[in-house]
Amino acid sequence: MVGLKVFGQPASTDVARVLTCLFEKNLDFQLVRTDTFKGEHKVPEFLRLQDPSGQVTFKDGKQTYVDSREICRLICSKYGDMGNKELFGTGALERASIEQWLQAEAMNFDPLSSELVFHLAFAKPLGIMPDQAKIERNAKKLSVVLDVYERRLAENDYLAGDEFTLADLSHLPNSHYLITKTERGHELFASRKNVQRWWRAISTRSSWKQVVEMQNEYHSLE
């Protein structure tokens, strides 16, 4: 599997999502940190592969992909017999449930949590005044989303059933920032016992711990 390469930074939520999936599947890969490509040090290969958003690029042999959720689906489908075999379900019904929650994450959870993380944790350090109206609006909407999760997690250990899957994995990057970097986000999770229990279960997985270590390692070198 030496042909697998991830271009990006572990701190990026898209990159973190892909790295976690690769660790779950026990796949060997090379991480090419894009911050090392500056000025005259940029290489033609990276310039050809770079995702327009600048967040993540995945190369498998001669094939190149740039959407983190599609990359995770691809990894699970192509390397189904490797590592965690339950990650994308083992049957049509399981996969349908996983897809349902992947869509919920991409369409509902991700936009709201991203806005909150930016305005609560990163706006001021970047010299930008946090938009309080956006904070309140997104916090209210995310509360509604998490209420749905709370009811679902009262019935199952994880979103798509009783096994950890891509549906849960996809929530890890934004949830991590929301919970560890913002008091508001921490409270949104902590005030819902099933959501909090779920978060503890998914965030203590070895795959995610390895990604967090990579993020911390990078920051310690800055």
N, C-alpha and C. Protein backbone atom coordinates (compact mmCIF):
# COMPACT_ATOMS: atom_id res chain seq x y z
N MET A 1 0.82 -1.21 0.00
CA MET A 1 0.00 0.00 0.00
C MET A 1 0.86 1.26 0.00
N VAL A 2 2.13 1.14 -0.35
CA VAL A 2 3.01 2.30 -0.33
C VAL A 2 2.59 3.34 -1.35
N GLY A 3 1.68 2.99 -2.27
CA GLY A 3 1.23 3.95 -3.28
C GLY A 3 0.22 4.95 -2.76
N LEU A 4 -0.22 4.82 -1.52
CA LEU A 4 -1.21 5.73 -0.96
C LEU A 4 -0.52 6.96 -0.39
N LYS A 5 -0.98 8.14 -0.83
CA LYS A 5 -0.41 9.39 -0.35
C LYS A 5 -1.54 10.36 0.02
N VAL A 6 -1.34 11.06 1.12
CA VAL A 6 -2.28 12.11 1.53
C VAL A 6 -1.52 13.42 1.53
N PHE A 7 -2.02 14.40 0.78
CA PHE A 7 -1.41 15.72 0.74
C PHE A 7 -2.28 16.66 1.58
N GLY A 8 -1.67 17.29 2.57
CA GLY A 8 -2.43 18.21 3.39
C GLY A 8 -1.85 18.32 4.78
N GLN A 9 -2.61 18.97 5.67
CA GLN A 9 -2.18 19.16 7.04
C GLN A 9 -3.13 18.44 7.99
N PRO A 10 -2.61 17.71 8.98
CA PRO A 10 -3.47 16.99 9.92
C PRO A 10 -4.48 17.89 10.63
N ALA A 11 -4.16 19.18 10.78
CA ALA A 11 -5.08 20.10 11.45
C ALA A 11 -6.33 20.37 10.62
N SER A 12 -6.25 20.15 9.32
CA SER A 12 -7.42 20.32 8.45
C SER A 12 -8.45 19.25 8.78
N THR A 13 -9.70 19.63 8.89
CA THR A 13 -10.74 18.65 9.22
C THR A 13 -10.87 17.61 8.12
N ASP A 14 -10.73 18.01 6.85
CA ASP A 14 -10.82 17.06 5.75
C ASP A 14 -9.67 16.06 5.77
N VAL A 15 -8.47 16.56 6.03
CA VAL A 15 -7.31 15.68 6.10
C VAL A 15 -7.44 14.74 7.29
N ALA A 16 -7.87 15.26 8.43
CA ALA A 16 -8.04 14.43 9.64
C ALA A 16 -9.03 13.31 9.41
N ARG A 17 -10.09 13.60 8.65
CA ARG A 17 -11.11 12.59 8.35
C ARG A 17 -10.48 11.43 7.55
N VAL A 18 -9.69 11.77 6.55
CA VAL A 18 -9.06 10.75 5.71
C VAL A 18 -8.02 9.96 6.49
N LEU A 19 -7.22 10.65 7.29
CA LEU A 19 -6.19 9.96 8.09
C LEU A 19 -6.82 8.97 9.06
N THR A 20 -7.91 9.36 9.68
CA THR A 20 -8.59 8.46 10.62
C THR A 20 -9.08 7.21 9.92
N CYS A 21 -9.64 7.39 8.72
CA CYS A 21 -10.11 6.25 7.94
C CYS A 21 -8.96 5.31 7.60
N LEU A 22 -7.84 5.87 7.18
CA LEU A 22 -6.67 5.05 6.84
C LEU A 22 -6.16 4.27 8.05
N PHE A 23 -6.17 4.91 9.21
CA PHE A 23 -5.73 4.22 10.43
C PHE A 23 -6.72 3.11 10.81
N GLU A 24 -8.01 3.37 10.64
CA GLU A 24 -9.02 2.34 10.93
C GLU A 24 -8.82 1.13 10.03
N LYS A 25 -8.41 1.37 8.79
CA LYS A 25 -8.22 0.27 7.84
C LYS A 25 -6.82 -0.33 7.90
N ASN A 26 -6.00 0.18 8.81
CA ASN A 26 -4.63 -0.34 8.97
C ASN A 26 -3.84 -0.30 7.66
N LEU A 27 -3.97 0.79 6.94
CA LEU A 27 -3.30 0.93 5.65
C LEU A 27 -2.03 1.77 5.79
N ASP A 28 -1.00 1.37 5.09
CA ASP A 28 0.23 2.16 5.05
C ASP A 28 0.06 3.29 4.05
N PHE A 29 0.52 4.48 4.42
CA PHE A 29 0.39 5.62 3.52
C PHE A 29 1.49 6.63 3.83
N GLN A 30 1.68 7.54 2.93
CA GLN A 30 2.63 8.63 3.13
C GLN A 30 1.87 9.93 3.27
N LEU A 31 2.13 10.67 4.33
CA LEU A 31 1.54 12.00 4.51
C LEU A 31 2.53 13.04 4.01
N VAL A 32 2.10 13.83 3.04
CA VAL A 32 2.93 14.91 2.51
C VAL A 32 2.34 16.21 3.04
N ARG A 33 3.01 16.79 4.02
CA ARG A 33 2.50 18.03 4.63
C ARG A 33 2.70 19.18 3.65
N THR A 34 1.60 19.79 3.25
CA THR A 34 1.67 20.78 2.18
C THR A 34 2.37 22.06 2.60
N ASP A 35 2.52 22.30 3.91
CA ASP A 35 3.18 23.52 4.34
C ASP A 35 4.67 23.50 4.03
N THR A 36 5.20 22.34 3.66
CA THR A 36 6.62 22.26 3.32
C THR A 36 6.87 22.71 1.89
N PHE A 37 5.78 22.90 1.13
CA PHE A 37 5.93 23.31 -0.26
C PHE A 37 5.74 24.82 -0.36
N LYS A 38 6.83 25.56 -0.17
CA LYS A 38 6.77 27.02 -0.18
C LYS A 38 7.72 27.58 -1.23
N GLY A 39 7.27 28.63 -1.92
CA GLY A 39 8.12 29.29 -2.88
C GLY A 39 8.74 28.36 -3.89
N GLU A 40 10.04 28.42 -3.99
CA GLU A 40 10.75 27.62 -4.99
C GLU A 40 10.74 26.15 -4.66
N HIS A 41 10.29 25.78 -3.45
CA HIS A 41 10.29 24.38 -3.05
C HIS A 41 9.03 23.64 -3.52
N LYS A 42 8.09 24.35 -4.12
CA LYS A 42 6.89 23.68 -4.62
C LYS A 42 7.28 22.72 -5.74
N VAL A 43 6.66 21.55 -5.73
CA VAL A 43 6.98 20.56 -6.75
C VAL A 43 5.82 20.45 -7.73
N PRO A 44 6.12 20.18 -8.99
CA PRO A 44 5.07 20.10 -10.02
C PRO A 44 3.97 19.10 -9.67
N GLU A 45 4.34 17.96 -9.06
CA GLU A 45 3.33 16.95 -8.75
C GLU A 45 2.29 17.52 -7.81
N PHE A 46 2.73 18.22 -6.77
CA PHE A 46 1.77 18.77 -5.82
C PHE A 46 0.89 19.83 -6.48
N LEU A 47 1.48 20.64 -7.32
CA LEU A 47 0.71 21.68 -7.99
C LEU A 47 -0.37 21.08 -8.88
N ARG A 48 -0.08 19.92 -9.44
CA ARG A 48 -1.09 19.24 -10.28
C ARG A 48 -2.20 18.62 -9.42
N LEU A 49 -1.81 18.15 -8.23
CA LEU A 49 -2.76 17.41 -7.40
C LEU A 49 -3.58 18.28 -6.47
N GLN A 50 -3.11 19.51 -6.25
CA GLN A 50 -3.70 20.31 -5.18
C GLN A 50 -5.20 20.51 -5.33
N ASP A 51 -5.90 20.21 -4.27
CA ASP A 51 -7.34 20.44 -4.20
C ASP A 51 -7.59 21.94 -4.28
N PRO A 52 -8.57 22.40 -5.08
CA PRO A 52 -8.85 23.84 -5.16
C PRO A 52 -9.10 24.49 -3.80
N SER A 53 -9.63 23.73 -2.83
CA SER A 53 -9.86 24.28 -1.50
C SER A 53 -8.58 24.31 -0.68
N GLY A 54 -7.54 23.62 -1.16
CA GLY A 54 -6.28 23.60 -0.44
C GLY A 54 -6.28 22.74 0.79
N GLN A 55 -7.25 21.84 0.94
CA GLN A 55 -7.38 21.11 2.19
C GLN A 55 -6.87 19.67 2.13
N VAL A 56 -7.27 18.91 1.15
CA VAL A 56 -6.85 17.51 1.13
C VAL A 56 -6.79 16.99 -0.30
N THR A 57 -5.79 16.20 -0.57
CA THR A 57 -5.69 15.48 -1.84
C THR A 57 -5.22 14.07 -1.51
N PHE A 58 -5.84 13.08 -2.11
CA PHE A 58 -5.50 11.68 -1.85
C PHE A 58 -5.10 11.04 -3.16
N LYS A 59 -3.96 10.39 -3.15
CA LYS A 59 -3.48 9.72 -4.35
C LYS A 59 -3.33 8.23 -4.08
N ASP A 60 -4.00 7.43 -4.90
CA ASP A 60 -3.92 5.97 -4.81
C ASP A 60 -3.38 5.48 -6.15
N GLY A 61 -2.06 5.20 -6.17
CA GLY A 61 -1.44 4.85 -7.44
C GLY A 61 -1.49 6.02 -8.39
N LYS A 62 -2.14 5.83 -9.53
CA LYS A 62 -2.23 6.90 -10.53
C LYS A 62 -3.51 7.72 -10.39
N GLN A 63 -4.39 7.30 -9.49
CA GLN A 63 -5.67 7.98 -9.32
C GLN A 63 -5.59 9.04 -8.22
N THR A 64 -6.27 10.17 -8.44
CA THR A 64 -6.24 11.28 -7.49
C THR A 64 -7.67 11.68 -7.12
N TYR A 65 -7.89 11.95 -5.83
CA TYR A 65 -9.22 12.29 -5.32
C TYR A 65 -9.09 13.48 -4.36
N VAL A 66 -10.17 14.30 -4.26
CA VAL A 66 -10.06 15.50 -3.45
C VAL A 66 -11.22 15.74 -2.47
N ASP A 67 -12.22 14.92 -2.45
CA ASP A 67 -13.33 15.09 -1.51
C ASP A 67 -13.16 14.10 -0.37
N SER A 68 -13.06 14.59 0.86
CA SER A 68 -12.69 13.72 1.99
C SER A 68 -13.69 12.61 2.24
N ARG A 69 -14.97 12.89 2.12
CA ARG A 69 -15.97 11.85 2.38
C ARG A 69 -15.97 10.80 1.28
N GLU A 70 -15.80 11.25 0.04
CA GLU A 70 -15.70 10.29 -1.06
C GLU A 70 -14.42 9.47 -0.95
N ILE A 71 -13.35 10.09 -0.49
CA ILE A 71 -12.10 9.36 -0.29
C ILE A 71 -12.30 8.25 0.74
N CYS A 72 -13.00 8.55 1.82
CA CYS A 72 -13.26 7.54 2.85
C CYS A 72 -14.12 6.40 2.30
N ARG A 73 -15.12 6.75 1.51
CA ARG A 73 -15.95 5.70 0.89
C ARG A 73 -15.09 4.81 -0.01
N LEU A 74 -14.24 5.45 -0.79
CA LEU A 74 -13.37 4.72 -1.71
C LEU A 74 -12.44 3.78 -0.95
N ILE A 75 -11.82 4.27 0.10
CA ILE A 75 -10.90 3.46 0.89
C ILE A 75 -11.61 2.24 1.44
N CYS A 76 -12.81 2.45 1.99
CA CYS A 76 -13.57 1.35 2.59
C CYS A 76 -14.02 0.33 1.54
N SER A 77 -14.37 0.82 0.37
CA SER A 77 -14.83 -0.09 -0.69
C SER A 77 -13.67 -0.87 -1.30
N LYS A 78 -12.59 -0.17 -1.59
CA LYS A 78 -11.46 -0.80 -2.25
C LYS A 78 -10.67 -1.72 -1.33
N TYR A 79 -10.59 -1.34 -0.05
CA TYR A 79 -9.80 -2.11 0.91
C TYR A 79 -10.71 -2.69 2.00
N GLY A 80 -11.84 -3.23 1.55
CA GLY A 80 -12.85 -3.75 2.47
C GLY A 80 -12.37 -4.83 3.41
N ASP A 81 -11.42 -5.64 2.98
CA ASP A 81 -10.93 -6.75 3.81
C ASP A 81 -9.81 -6.35 4.75
N MET A 82 -9.43 -5.09 4.72
CA MET A 82 -8.36 -4.61 5.58
C MET A 82 -8.92 -3.98 6.85
N GLY A 83 -8.20 -4.12 7.95
CA GLY A 83 -8.55 -3.40 9.18
C GLY A 83 -9.98 -3.58 9.62
N ASN A 84 -10.62 -2.47 9.97
CA ASN A 84 -12.00 -2.47 10.45
C ASN A 84 -12.95 -2.77 9.29
N LYS A 85 -13.48 -3.98 9.25
CA LYS A 85 -14.34 -4.41 8.15
C LYS A 85 -15.77 -3.90 8.28
N GLU A 86 -16.12 -3.36 9.45
CA GLU A 86 -17.47 -2.87 9.69
C GLU A 86 -17.62 -1.40 9.32
N LEU A 87 -16.55 -0.76 8.93
CA LEU A 87 -16.54 0.70 8.81
C LEU A 87 -17.56 1.24 7.81
N PHE A 88 -17.81 0.51 6.74
CA PHE A 88 -18.78 0.96 5.74
C PHE A 88 -19.94 -0.01 5.62
N GLY A 89 -20.14 -0.82 6.66
CA GLY A 89 -21.23 -1.77 6.68
C GLY A 89 -20.91 -3.04 5.91
N THR A 90 -21.62 -4.10 6.24
CA THR A 90 -21.38 -5.39 5.59
C THR A 90 -22.57 -5.85 4.75
N GLY A 91 -23.58 -5.01 4.66
CA GLY A 91 -24.76 -5.35 3.85
C GLY A 91 -25.45 -4.10 3.36
N ALA A 92 -26.42 -4.26 2.47
CA ALA A 92 -27.09 -3.12 1.84
C ALA A 92 -27.83 -2.26 2.87
N LEU A 93 -28.51 -2.89 3.84
CA LEU A 93 -29.25 -2.13 4.83
C LEU A 93 -28.33 -1.33 5.73
N GLU A 94 -27.22 -1.95 6.14
CA GLU A 94 -26.27 -1.25 6.99
C GLU A 94 -25.67 -0.06 6.25
N ARG A 95 -25.31 -0.29 5.00
CA ARG A 95 -24.69 0.79 4.23
C ARG A 95 -25.68 1.93 4.00
N ALA A 96 -26.94 1.61 3.80
CA ALA A 96 -27.96 2.64 3.60
C ALA A 96 -28.08 3.52 4.84
N SER A 97 -28.01 2.90 6.02
CA SER A 97 -28.09 3.66 7.26
C SER A 97 -26.86 4.54 7.44
N ILE A 98 -25.70 3.99 7.10
CA ILE A 98 -24.46 4.76 7.19
C ILE A 98 -24.53 5.96 6.26
N GLU A 99 -25.00 5.75 5.04
CA GLU A 99 -25.10 6.84 4.07
C GLU A 99 -26.05 7.92 4.56
N GLN A 100 -27.12 7.51 5.20
CA GLN A 100 -28.09 8.48 5.73
C GLN A 100 -27.42 9.43 6.71
N TRP A 101 -26.60 8.86 7.61
CA TRP A 101 -25.95 9.68 8.62
C TRP A 101 -24.74 10.43 8.09
N LEU A 102 -24.11 9.90 7.06
CA LEU A 102 -23.05 10.65 6.39
C LEU A 102 -23.62 11.91 5.74
N GLN A 103 -24.79 11.77 5.14
CA GLN A 103 -25.45 12.92 4.54
C GLN A 103 -25.86 13.93 5.61
N ALA A 104 -26.33 13.43 6.75
CA ALA A 104 -26.71 14.33 7.85
C ALA A 104 -25.51 15.12 8.32
N GLU A 105 -24.37 14.45 8.42
CA GLU A 105 -23.15 15.13 8.86
C GLU A 105 -22.73 16.20 7.85
N ALA A 106 -22.71 15.83 6.57
CA ALA A 106 -22.25 16.75 5.54
C ALA A 106 -23.18 17.93 5.34
N MET A 107 -24.49 17.69 5.40
CA MET A 107 -25.46 18.73 5.08
C MET A 107 -25.90 19.56 6.30
N ASN A 108 -25.93 18.94 7.47
CA ASN A 108 -26.47 19.62 8.65
C ASN A 108 -25.42 19.92 9.71
N PHE A 109 -24.69 18.88 10.15
CA PHE A 109 -23.74 19.06 11.24
C PHE A 109 -22.52 19.88 10.83
N ASP A 110 -21.92 19.56 9.70
CA ASP A 110 -20.67 20.19 9.30
C ASP A 110 -20.79 21.71 9.10
N PRO A 111 -21.75 22.22 8.34
CA PRO A 111 -21.82 23.66 8.13
C PRO A 111 -22.01 24.44 9.43
N LEU A 112 -22.87 23.94 10.30
CA LEU A 112 -23.15 24.64 11.56
C LEU A 112 -21.96 24.59 12.51
N SER A 113 -21.37 23.42 12.67
CA SER A 113 -20.24 23.28 13.59
C SER A 113 -19.02 24.04 13.07
N SER A 114 -18.82 24.07 11.76
CA SER A 114 -17.69 24.80 11.18
C SER A 114 -17.80 26.30 11.47
N GLU A 115 -18.99 26.84 11.30
CA GLU A 115 -19.22 28.25 11.59
C GLU A 115 -18.96 28.56 13.06
N LEU A 116 -19.44 27.70 13.94
CA LEU A 116 -19.24 27.92 15.37
C LEU A 116 -17.77 27.85 15.75
N VAL A 117 -17.08 26.85 15.25
CA VAL A 117 -15.65 26.71 15.56
C VAL A 117 -14.89 27.95 15.09
N PHE A 118 -15.20 28.41 13.89
CA PHE A 118 -14.48 29.57 13.37
C PHE A 118 -14.69 30.80 14.24
N HIS A 119 -15.95 31.14 14.52
CA HIS A 119 -16.25 32.37 15.24
C HIS A 119 -15.91 32.28 16.73
N LEU A 120 -15.99 31.09 17.32
CA LEU A 120 -15.70 30.95 18.75
C LEU A 120 -14.22 30.72 19.04
N ALA A 121 -13.51 30.09 18.12
CA ALA A 121 -12.13 29.69 18.42
C ALA A 121 -11.06 30.37 17.57
N PHE A 122 -11.36 30.66 16.33
CA PHE A 122 -10.29 31.09 15.42
C PHE A 122 -10.41 32.52 14.90
N ALA A 123 -11.58 33.13 15.01
CA ALA A 123 -11.76 34.47 14.46
C ALA A 123 -10.82 35.50 15.11
N LYS A 124 -10.84 35.58 16.45
CA LYS A 124 -10.02 36.57 17.15
C LYS A 124 -8.53 36.41 16.88
N PRO A 125 -7.97 35.18 16.96
CA PRO A 125 -6.54 35.03 16.65
C PRO A 125 -6.18 35.48 15.24
N LEU A 126 -7.17 35.46 14.34
CA LEU A 126 -6.93 35.89 12.96
C LEU A 126 -7.22 37.38 12.77
N GLY A 127 -7.55 38.05 13.88
CA GLY A 127 -7.84 39.47 13.80
C GLY A 127 -9.21 39.79 13.26
N ILE A 128 -10.14 38.85 13.34
CA ILE A 128 -11.50 39.02 12.84
C ILE A 128 -12.46 39.07 14.02
N MET A 129 -13.35 40.01 14.01
CA MET A 129 -14.34 40.12 15.08
C MET A 129 -15.39 39.02 14.95
N PRO A 130 -15.56 38.18 15.99
CA PRO A 130 -16.57 37.13 15.93
C PRO A 130 -17.96 37.71 15.71
N ASP A 131 -18.72 37.05 14.88
CA ASP A 131 -20.07 37.50 14.57
C ASP A 131 -21.03 36.85 15.58
N GLN A 132 -21.47 37.62 16.56
CA GLN A 132 -22.31 37.07 17.61
C GLN A 132 -23.66 36.59 17.09
N ALA A 133 -24.17 37.28 16.09
CA ALA A 133 -25.46 36.87 15.51
C ALA A 133 -25.33 35.49 14.87
N LYS A 134 -24.23 35.27 14.14
CA LYS A 134 -23.99 33.96 13.53
C LYS A 134 -23.78 32.89 14.58
N ILE A 135 -23.09 33.25 15.65
CA ILE A 135 -22.85 32.29 16.73
C ILE A 135 -24.18 31.82 17.32
N GLU A 136 -25.04 32.76 17.64
CA GLU A 136 -26.33 32.41 18.25
C GLU A 136 -27.20 31.62 17.29
N ARG A 137 -27.22 32.04 16.04
CA ARG A 137 -28.05 31.37 15.04
C ARG A 137 -27.59 29.93 14.81
N ASN A 138 -26.28 29.75 14.66
CA ASN A 138 -25.75 28.41 14.41
C ASN A 138 -25.81 27.51 15.63
N ALA A 139 -25.63 28.09 16.81
CA ALA A 139 -25.74 27.30 18.05
C ALA A 139 -27.16 26.78 18.22
N LYS A 140 -28.14 27.63 17.90
CA LYS A 140 -29.54 27.21 18.01
C LYS A 140 -29.85 26.09 17.03
N LYS A 141 -29.38 26.24 15.80
CA LYS A 141 -29.63 25.21 14.79
C LYS A 141 -28.89 23.91 15.12
N LEU A 142 -27.67 24.03 15.62
CA LEU A 142 -26.92 22.82 15.96
C LEU A 142 -27.55 22.10 17.15
N SER A 143 -28.16 22.86 18.05
CA SER A 143 -28.87 22.24 19.18
C SER A 143 -29.99 21.34 18.69
N VAL A 144 -30.68 21.79 17.66
CA VAL A 144 -31.76 20.99 17.08
C VAL A 144 -31.20 19.70 16.48
N VAL A 145 -30.08 19.83 15.76
CA VAL A 145 -29.43 18.65 15.16
C VAL A 145 -28.99 17.67 16.24
N LEU A 146 -28.39 18.18 17.30
CA LEU A 146 -27.90 17.32 18.37
C LEU A 146 -29.04 16.69 19.16
N ASP A 147 -30.19 17.34 19.20
CA ASP A 147 -31.36 16.72 19.82
C ASP A 147 -31.79 15.48 19.05
N VAL A 148 -31.70 15.54 17.73
CA VAL A 148 -32.00 14.38 16.89
C VAL A 148 -30.98 13.28 17.18
N TYR A 149 -29.72 13.64 17.29
CA TYR A 149 -28.68 12.67 17.60
C TYR A 149 -28.93 12.04 18.97
N GLU A 150 -29.32 12.86 19.92
CA GLU A 150 -29.57 12.36 21.28
C GLU A 150 -30.63 11.28 21.29
N ARG A 151 -31.70 11.49 20.53
CA ARG A 151 -32.76 10.49 20.47
C ARG A 151 -32.27 9.22 19.76
N ARG A 152 -31.53 9.41 18.70
CA ARG A 152 -31.00 8.25 17.97
C ARG A 152 -30.04 7.45 18.84
N LEU A 153 -29.18 8.13 19.57
CA LEU A 153 -28.17 7.46 20.39
C LEU A 153 -28.75 6.88 21.68
N ALA A 154 -30.00 7.17 21.96
CA ALA A 154 -30.68 6.51 23.07
C ALA A 154 -31.07 5.10 22.67
N GLU A 155 -31.13 4.85 21.37
CA GLU A 155 -31.54 3.55 20.85
C GLU A 155 -30.36 2.69 20.39
N ASN A 156 -29.27 3.34 20.00
CA ASN A 156 -28.09 2.62 19.48
C ASN A 156 -26.81 3.19 20.08
N ASP A 157 -25.78 2.38 20.11
CA ASP A 157 -24.49 2.84 20.61
C ASP A 157 -23.88 3.88 19.68
N TYR A 158 -24.12 3.72 18.38
CA TYR A 158 -23.54 4.63 17.38
C TYR A 158 -24.64 5.07 16.43
N LEU A 159 -24.34 6.01 15.57
CA LEU A 159 -25.38 6.61 14.73
C LEU A 159 -26.05 5.63 13.78
N ALA A 160 -25.28 4.74 13.17
CA ALA A 160 -25.85 3.82 12.18
C ALA A 160 -26.17 2.45 12.77
N GLY A 161 -26.02 2.30 14.07
CA GLY A 161 -26.29 1.00 14.71
C GLY A 161 -25.42 0.81 15.93
N ASP A 162 -25.02 -0.43 16.17
CA ASP A 162 -24.23 -0.74 17.35
C ASP A 162 -22.74 -0.93 17.07
N GLU A 163 -22.31 -0.53 15.86
CA GLU A 163 -20.90 -0.59 15.50
C GLU A 163 -20.42 0.79 15.06
N PHE A 164 -19.18 1.10 15.34
CA PHE A 164 -18.55 2.33 14.87
C PHE A 164 -18.38 2.26 13.35
N THR A 165 -18.85 3.28 12.65
CA THR A 165 -18.78 3.29 11.18
C THR A 165 -18.32 4.66 10.68
N LEU A 166 -18.27 4.78 9.36
CA LEU A 166 -17.94 6.06 8.74
C LEU A 166 -18.89 7.17 9.19
N ALA A 167 -20.11 6.82 9.52
CA ALA A 167 -21.07 7.82 9.97
C ALA A 167 -20.57 8.54 11.21
N ASP A 168 -19.97 7.78 12.13
CA ASP A 168 -19.41 8.37 13.35
C ASP A 168 -18.07 9.03 13.07
N LEU A 169 -17.24 8.33 12.32
CA LEU A 169 -15.89 8.82 12.00
C LEU A 169 -15.94 10.21 11.37
N SER A 170 -16.89 10.44 10.49
CA SER A 170 -16.94 11.70 9.76
C SER A 170 -17.21 12.89 10.68
N HIS A 171 -17.79 12.63 11.85
CA HIS A 171 -18.08 13.70 12.81
C HIS A 171 -16.87 14.07 13.67
N LEU A 172 -15.85 13.25 13.70
CA LEU A 172 -14.75 13.44 14.64
C LEU A 172 -14.01 14.78 14.49
N PRO A 173 -13.56 15.18 13.31
CA PRO A 173 -12.74 16.40 13.21
C PRO A 173 -13.41 17.67 13.73
N ASN A 174 -14.63 17.95 13.27
CA ASN A 174 -15.30 19.17 13.72
C ASN A 174 -15.71 19.08 15.18
N SER A 175 -16.17 17.91 15.60
CA SER A 175 -16.56 17.74 17.00
C SER A 175 -15.37 17.99 17.92
N HIS A 176 -14.21 17.52 17.52
CA HIS A 176 -13.00 17.70 18.32
C HIS A 176 -12.73 19.18 18.56
N TYR A 177 -12.76 19.97 17.50
CA TYR A 177 -12.51 21.40 17.65
C TYR A 177 -13.62 22.06 18.46
N LEU A 178 -14.85 21.67 18.19
CA LEU A 178 -15.99 22.27 18.88
C LEU A 178 -15.92 22.02 20.39
N ILE A 179 -15.55 20.81 20.76
CA ILE A 179 -15.54 20.42 22.18
C ILE A 179 -14.28 20.88 22.90
N THR A 180 -13.13 20.75 22.26
CA THR A 180 -11.87 21.05 22.95
C THR A 180 -11.45 22.51 22.85
N LYS A 181 -12.00 23.26 21.89
CA LYS A 181 -11.58 24.64 21.68
C LYS A 181 -12.63 25.68 22.08
N THR A 182 -13.88 25.24 22.34
CA THR A 182 -14.93 26.21 22.66
C THR A 182 -15.76 25.73 23.84
N GLU A 183 -16.03 26.62 24.76
CA GLU A 183 -16.89 26.27 25.90
C GLU A 183 -18.32 26.03 25.44
N ARG A 184 -18.77 26.81 24.48
CA ARG A 184 -20.14 26.68 23.97
C ARG A 184 -20.33 25.31 23.34
N GLY A 185 -19.37 24.88 22.55
CA GLY A 185 -19.47 23.58 21.91
C GLY A 185 -19.40 22.45 22.92
N HIS A 186 -18.53 22.60 23.90
CA HIS A 186 -18.42 21.57 24.94
C HIS A 186 -19.75 21.40 25.66
N GLU A 187 -20.40 22.51 25.95
CA GLU A 187 -21.68 22.45 26.66
C GLU A 187 -22.77 21.81 25.81
N LEU A 188 -22.75 22.07 24.50
CA LEU A 188 -23.75 21.48 23.62
C LEU A 188 -23.69 19.95 23.66
N PHE A 189 -22.49 19.41 23.77
CA PHE A 189 -22.33 17.96 23.85
C PHE A 189 -22.58 17.45 25.27
N ALA A 190 -22.00 18.12 26.25
CA ALA A 190 -22.08 17.66 27.64
C ALA A 190 -23.49 17.67 28.20
N SER A 191 -24.35 18.54 27.67
CA SER A 191 -25.72 18.65 28.16
C SER A 191 -26.63 17.55 27.62
N ARG A 192 -26.09 16.71 26.77
CA ARG A 192 -26.87 15.60 26.20
C ARG A 192 -26.12 14.30 26.53
N LYS A 193 -26.66 13.53 27.45
CA LYS A 193 -25.91 12.39 27.99
C LYS A 193 -25.57 11.34 26.95
N ASN A 194 -26.47 11.09 26.01
CA ASN A 194 -26.17 10.08 24.98
C ASN A 194 -25.15 10.58 23.97
N VAL A 195 -25.25 11.85 23.60
CA VAL A 195 -24.28 12.45 22.69
C VAL A 195 -22.91 12.48 23.36
N GLN A 196 -22.89 12.82 24.64
CA GLN A 196 -21.61 12.86 25.37
C GLN A 196 -20.99 11.46 25.46
N ARG A 197 -21.82 10.48 25.75
CA ARG A 197 -21.32 9.10 25.81
C ARG A 197 -20.78 8.66 24.47
N TRP A 198 -21.49 9.00 23.40
CA TRP A 198 -21.05 8.67 22.04
C TRP A 198 -19.72 9.34 21.73
N TRP A 199 -19.60 10.62 22.08
CA TRP A 199 -18.36 11.33 21.81
C TRP A 199 -17.18 10.68 22.54
N ARG A 200 -17.36 10.30 23.77
CA ARG A 200 -16.29 9.65 24.51
C ARG A 200 -15.88 8.35 23.84
N ALA A 201 -16.84 7.63 23.32
CA ALA A 201 -16.55 6.34 22.68
C ALA A 201 -15.77 6.52 21.38
N ILE A 202 -16.17 7.49 20.56
CA ILE A 202 -15.51 7.64 19.26
C ILE A 202 -14.18 8.39 19.37
N SER A 203 -14.08 9.30 20.33
CA SER A 203 -12.86 10.11 20.44
C SER A 203 -11.72 9.39 21.14
N THR A 204 -12.02 8.25 21.76
CA THR A 204 -10.96 7.48 22.43
C THR A 204 -10.48 6.31 21.59
N ARG A 205 -10.95 6.23 20.36
CA ARG A 205 -10.46 5.18 19.47
C ARG A 205 -9.00 5.45 19.10
N SER A 206 -8.25 4.38 18.93
CA SER A 206 -6.84 4.50 18.61
C SER A 206 -6.60 5.30 17.34
N SER A 207 -7.46 5.10 16.34
CA SER A 207 -7.30 5.79 15.06
C SER A 207 -7.35 7.31 15.25
N TRP A 208 -8.32 7.79 16.04
CA TRP A 208 -8.45 9.23 16.24
C TRP A 208 -7.33 9.76 17.14
N LYS A 209 -6.94 8.99 18.13
CA LYS A 209 -5.84 9.41 19.00
C LYS A 209 -4.56 9.63 18.20
N GLN A 210 -4.34 8.79 17.21
CA GLN A 210 -3.15 8.94 16.36
C GLN A 210 -3.21 10.24 15.56
N VAL A 211 -4.40 10.59 15.09
CA VAL A 211 -4.56 11.83 14.34
C VAL A 211 -4.31 13.04 15.24
N VAL A 212 -4.86 13.00 16.44
CA VAL A 212 -4.67 14.11 17.39
C VAL A 212 -3.18 14.26 17.73
N GLU A 213 -2.50 13.14 17.89
CA GLU A 213 -1.06 13.19 18.15
C GLU A 213 -0.32 13.85 17.00
N MET A 214 -0.72 13.56 15.77
CA MET A 214 -0.11 14.17 14.60
C MET A 214 -0.37 15.68 14.58
N GLN A 215 -1.58 16.08 14.97
CA GLN A 215 -1.91 17.50 15.03
C GLN A 215 -1.07 18.20 16.09
N ASN A 216 -0.94 17.58 17.25
CA ASN A 216 -0.17 18.17 18.35
C ASN A 216 1.32 18.21 18.02
N GLU A 217 1.79 17.18 17.34
CA GLU A 217 3.18 17.14 16.94
C GLU A 217 3.51 18.30 16.02
N TYR A 218 2.60 18.57 15.10
CA TYR A 218 2.83 19.66 14.16
C TYR A 218 2.88 21.00 14.90
N HIS A 219 1.92 21.22 15.82
CA HIS A 219 1.86 22.50 16.54
C HIS A 219 3.09 22.69 17.43
N SER A 220 3.62 21.59 17.97
CA SER A 220 4.78 21.69 18.86
C SER A 220 6.04 22.10 18.11
N LEU A 221 6.01 21.92 16.76
CA LEU A 221 7.18 22.26 15.95
C LEU A 221 7.09 23.70 15.41
N GLU A 222 5.95 24.34 15.60
CA GLU A 222 5.79 25.69 15.06
C GLU A 222 6.63 26.69 15.85
